[in-house]
Protein backbone atom coordinates (compact mmCIF):
# COMPACT_ATOMS: atom_id res chain seq x y z
CA MET A 1 54.32 -39.29 12.03
CA TYR A 2 50.92 -39.79 12.94
CA GLY A 3 48.43 -37.66 11.31
CA VAL A 4 50.25 -34.09 11.74
CA SER A 5 49.99 -32.36 8.10
CA CYS A 6 53.51 -30.27 7.66
CA ASN A 7 50.65 -26.91 7.98
CA ALA A 8 51.02 -27.89 11.10
CA LYS A 9 54.84 -27.66 11.99
CA ARG A 10 54.69 -24.00 11.13
CA ARG A 11 54.87 -21.05 13.59
CA GLY A 12 55.04 -17.32 13.40
CA PHE A 13 52.66 -14.91 12.44
CA THR A 14 51.19 -14.19 9.41
CA LEU A 15 51.45 -10.36 8.01
CA LEU A 16 47.80 -10.30 8.22
CA GLU A 17 47.75 -11.33 11.21
CA LEU A 18 49.87 -8.80 13.06
CA MET A 19 48.52 -6.37 11.20
CA LEU A 20 44.99 -7.06 12.74
CA VAL A 21 46.67 -6.92 16.04
CA LEU A 22 48.46 -3.55 15.87
CA SER A 23 45.40 -1.99 14.55
CA LEU A 24 43.05 -2.79 17.10
CA LEU A 25 45.83 -1.92 20.18
CA SER A 26 46.39 1.59 18.23
CA ILE A 27 41.89 1.76 18.40
CA LEU A 28 42.35 0.69 21.86
CA THR A 29 44.83 3.88 22.37
CA ALA A 30 43.14 5.97 20.39
CA LEU A 31 40.22 5.79 23.07
CA THR A 32 42.13 5.52 26.12
CA VAL A 33 44.78 8.50 25.82
CA PRO A 34 42.62 11.45 25.78
CA LYS A 35 41.16 10.40 28.79
CA LEU A 36 44.36 9.61 30.37
CA ILE A 37 45.28 12.95 29.83
CA ARG A 38 42.52 14.53 31.29
CA PHE A 39 42.31 12.33 34.06
CA HIS A 40 46.16 13.86 34.96
CA SER A 41 44.92 17.64 34.54
CA ARG A 42 42.21 16.66 36.68
CA TRP A 43 44.48 15.71 39.54
CA VAL A 44 46.81 18.01 39.09
CA LEU A 45 43.50 20.84 39.26
CA ARG A 46 42.96 19.22 42.94
CA SER A 47 46.58 19.01 43.97
CA THR A 48 47.22 22.36 43.20
CA ALA A 49 43.95 23.54 45.05
CA HIS A 50 44.89 21.75 47.86
CA MET A 51 48.20 22.89 48.09
CA ILE A 52 47.26 26.56 47.92
CA ALA A 53 44.64 26.03 50.35
CA ASN A 54 47.05 24.76 53.06
CA ASP A 55 49.74 27.32 52.40
CA ILE A 56 46.59 29.86 53.39
CA ARG A 57 46.11 27.45 56.46
CA LEU A 58 49.70 28.51 57.08
CA ILE A 59 49.96 31.65 56.96
CA GLN A 60 46.74 31.91 59.23
CA LYS A 61 48.26 29.79 61.78
CA LYS A 62 52.65 31.47 61.35
CA SER A 63 49.84 35.20 62.44
CA ILE A 64 48.32 33.25 64.96
CA ASP A 65 51.65 31.95 66.32
CA GLU A 66 53.49 34.59 66.02
CA CYS A 67 50.42 37.68 66.63
CA THR A 68 51.61 39.05 64.20
CA TYR A 69 50.12 40.09 60.36
CA TYR A 70 50.56 37.78 57.90
CA ASN A 71 49.74 38.19 54.25
CA PHE A 72 48.59 35.22 51.38
CA GLU A 73 49.23 37.32 47.74
CA LEU A 74 48.36 36.27 44.49
CA GLU A 75 48.89 37.55 41.37
CA THR A 76 46.55 35.50 38.80
CA GLU A 77 48.03 36.29 35.71
CA LYS A 78 51.60 35.83 36.33
CA PHE A 79 50.07 32.28 38.24
CA TYR A 80 52.27 32.85 41.24
CA TYR A 81 51.41 33.83 45.08
CA TYR A 82 53.40 34.60 47.66
CA LEU A 83 53.54 33.98 52.01
CA LYS A 84 54.64 36.36 53.83
CA ASN A 85 55.10 38.63 57.00
CA SER A 86 53.30 41.79 56.16
CA ASP A 87 55.90 43.92 57.78
CA PRO A 88 57.94 45.14 54.31
CA SER A 89 60.96 45.15 56.26
CA LYS A 90 60.53 41.25 57.07
CA PRO A 91 61.65 38.33 54.42
CA GLN A 92 59.15 36.94 52.74
CA THR A 93 58.07 33.72 53.92
CA LYS A 94 57.68 31.59 50.78
CA LYS A 95 57.00 32.04 46.85
CA VAL A 96 54.77 29.26 45.12
CA VAL A 97 54.74 29.41 41.29
CA ILE A 98 51.76 27.45 39.89
CA ASP A 99 51.29 24.66 37.45
CA PRO A 100 51.48 26.02 34.17
CA ARG A 101 48.67 23.07 33.77
CA ILE A 102 46.70 25.30 35.36
CA THR A 103 45.81 27.89 32.73
CA THR A 104 43.18 30.45 34.45
CA ILE A 105 43.02 31.70 38.03
CA THR A 106 40.29 34.23 39.14
CA SER A 107 39.46 35.58 42.46
CA THR A 108 36.42 37.81 44.34
CA LEU A 109 39.55 38.85 46.76
CA LYS A 110 39.61 42.45 46.81
CA LYS A 111 42.56 43.95 44.64
CA TYR A 112 44.95 45.96 46.20
CA TYR A 113 48.42 47.28 45.62
CA ALA A 114 49.41 48.54 41.65
CA GLY A 115 48.22 45.69 39.36
CA GLU A 116 44.44 44.52 38.99
CA ASN A 117 45.76 40.73 39.00
CA TYR A 118 47.29 40.92 42.38
CA CYS A 119 44.77 39.73 45.25
CA VAL A 120 46.11 40.13 48.36
CA LEU A 121 44.47 38.59 51.87
CA GLN A 122 45.67 39.50 55.62
CA PHE A 123 45.33 37.60 58.49
CA THR A 124 45.13 39.41 61.76
CA PRO A 125 47.07 37.86 64.88
CA LEU A 126 43.62 36.44 65.71
CA GLY A 127 43.45 34.10 62.78
CA SER A 128 40.97 35.85 60.75
CA PRO A 129 41.46 37.13 57.57
CA ASN A 130 40.41 40.65 56.40
CA GLN A 131 37.90 39.63 53.54
CA ALA A 132 36.66 36.74 52.55
CA GLY A 133 36.34 35.31 49.11
CA THR A 134 37.17 32.61 46.46
CA ILE A 135 39.78 31.32 44.44
CA THR A 136 38.79 29.37 41.15
CA LEU A 137 41.53 27.46 39.49
CA TYR A 138 41.02 25.93 35.78
CA THR A 139 42.88 23.74 32.99
CA ALA A 140 42.95 23.91 29.64
CA TYR A 141 39.76 21.00 29.08
CA GLY A 142 37.62 23.62 31.26
CA ASP A 143 37.53 21.50 34.53
CA ASN A 144 37.91 23.71 37.68
CA ILE A 145 37.83 24.32 41.40
CA ASN A 146 37.10 26.70 44.09
CA ILE A 147 38.97 27.61 47.07
CA THR A 148 36.79 29.65 49.40
CA ILE A 149 38.17 31.56 52.72
CA ASP A 150 35.25 32.10 54.92
CA VAL A 151 35.02 35.86 56.71
CA ALA A 152 34.58 35.95 60.12
CA THR A 153 36.36 32.23 61.00
CA GLY A 154 38.91 32.03 58.55
CA ARG A 155 38.41 28.67 57.33
CA VAL A 156 38.99 27.38 54.11
CA LYS A 157 37.59 24.79 52.14
CA VAL A 158 38.46 23.13 48.72
CA ASN A 159 35.39 23.02 47.07
CA GLU A 160 34.71 19.98 44.09
């Protein structure tokens, strides 16, 4: 053995080296996990807003195609909405439960029916809504997003 000491043949890591690496990994994890959780929360917020906007557009299209009145009915406290024909004898088209990571929903749409938290947006057979308004979704982290409905055209916009 030409100049090889017995320390050079040693394999493995010392306890101190392992503890140092683990502490560095735990610090990096502690710094990145909250950012990942908030990123996921924002993703849920955006995808929920786009889903609601697309369903409003769908109900507008159905009112034009079938030449009848259709409603988008939002329950802001119970976190669900209906897409349905305004004729009570017809079955509801769709009920959607909103993701529980959305913590608050507010709306400037007029409240109809019995509950103060029940908003109704009705589309005529020409596709125009009976009112304009905004639906705002919030997360626990304070992020929010607006869905705006224009009264004259019925255009639905998601304002991020």
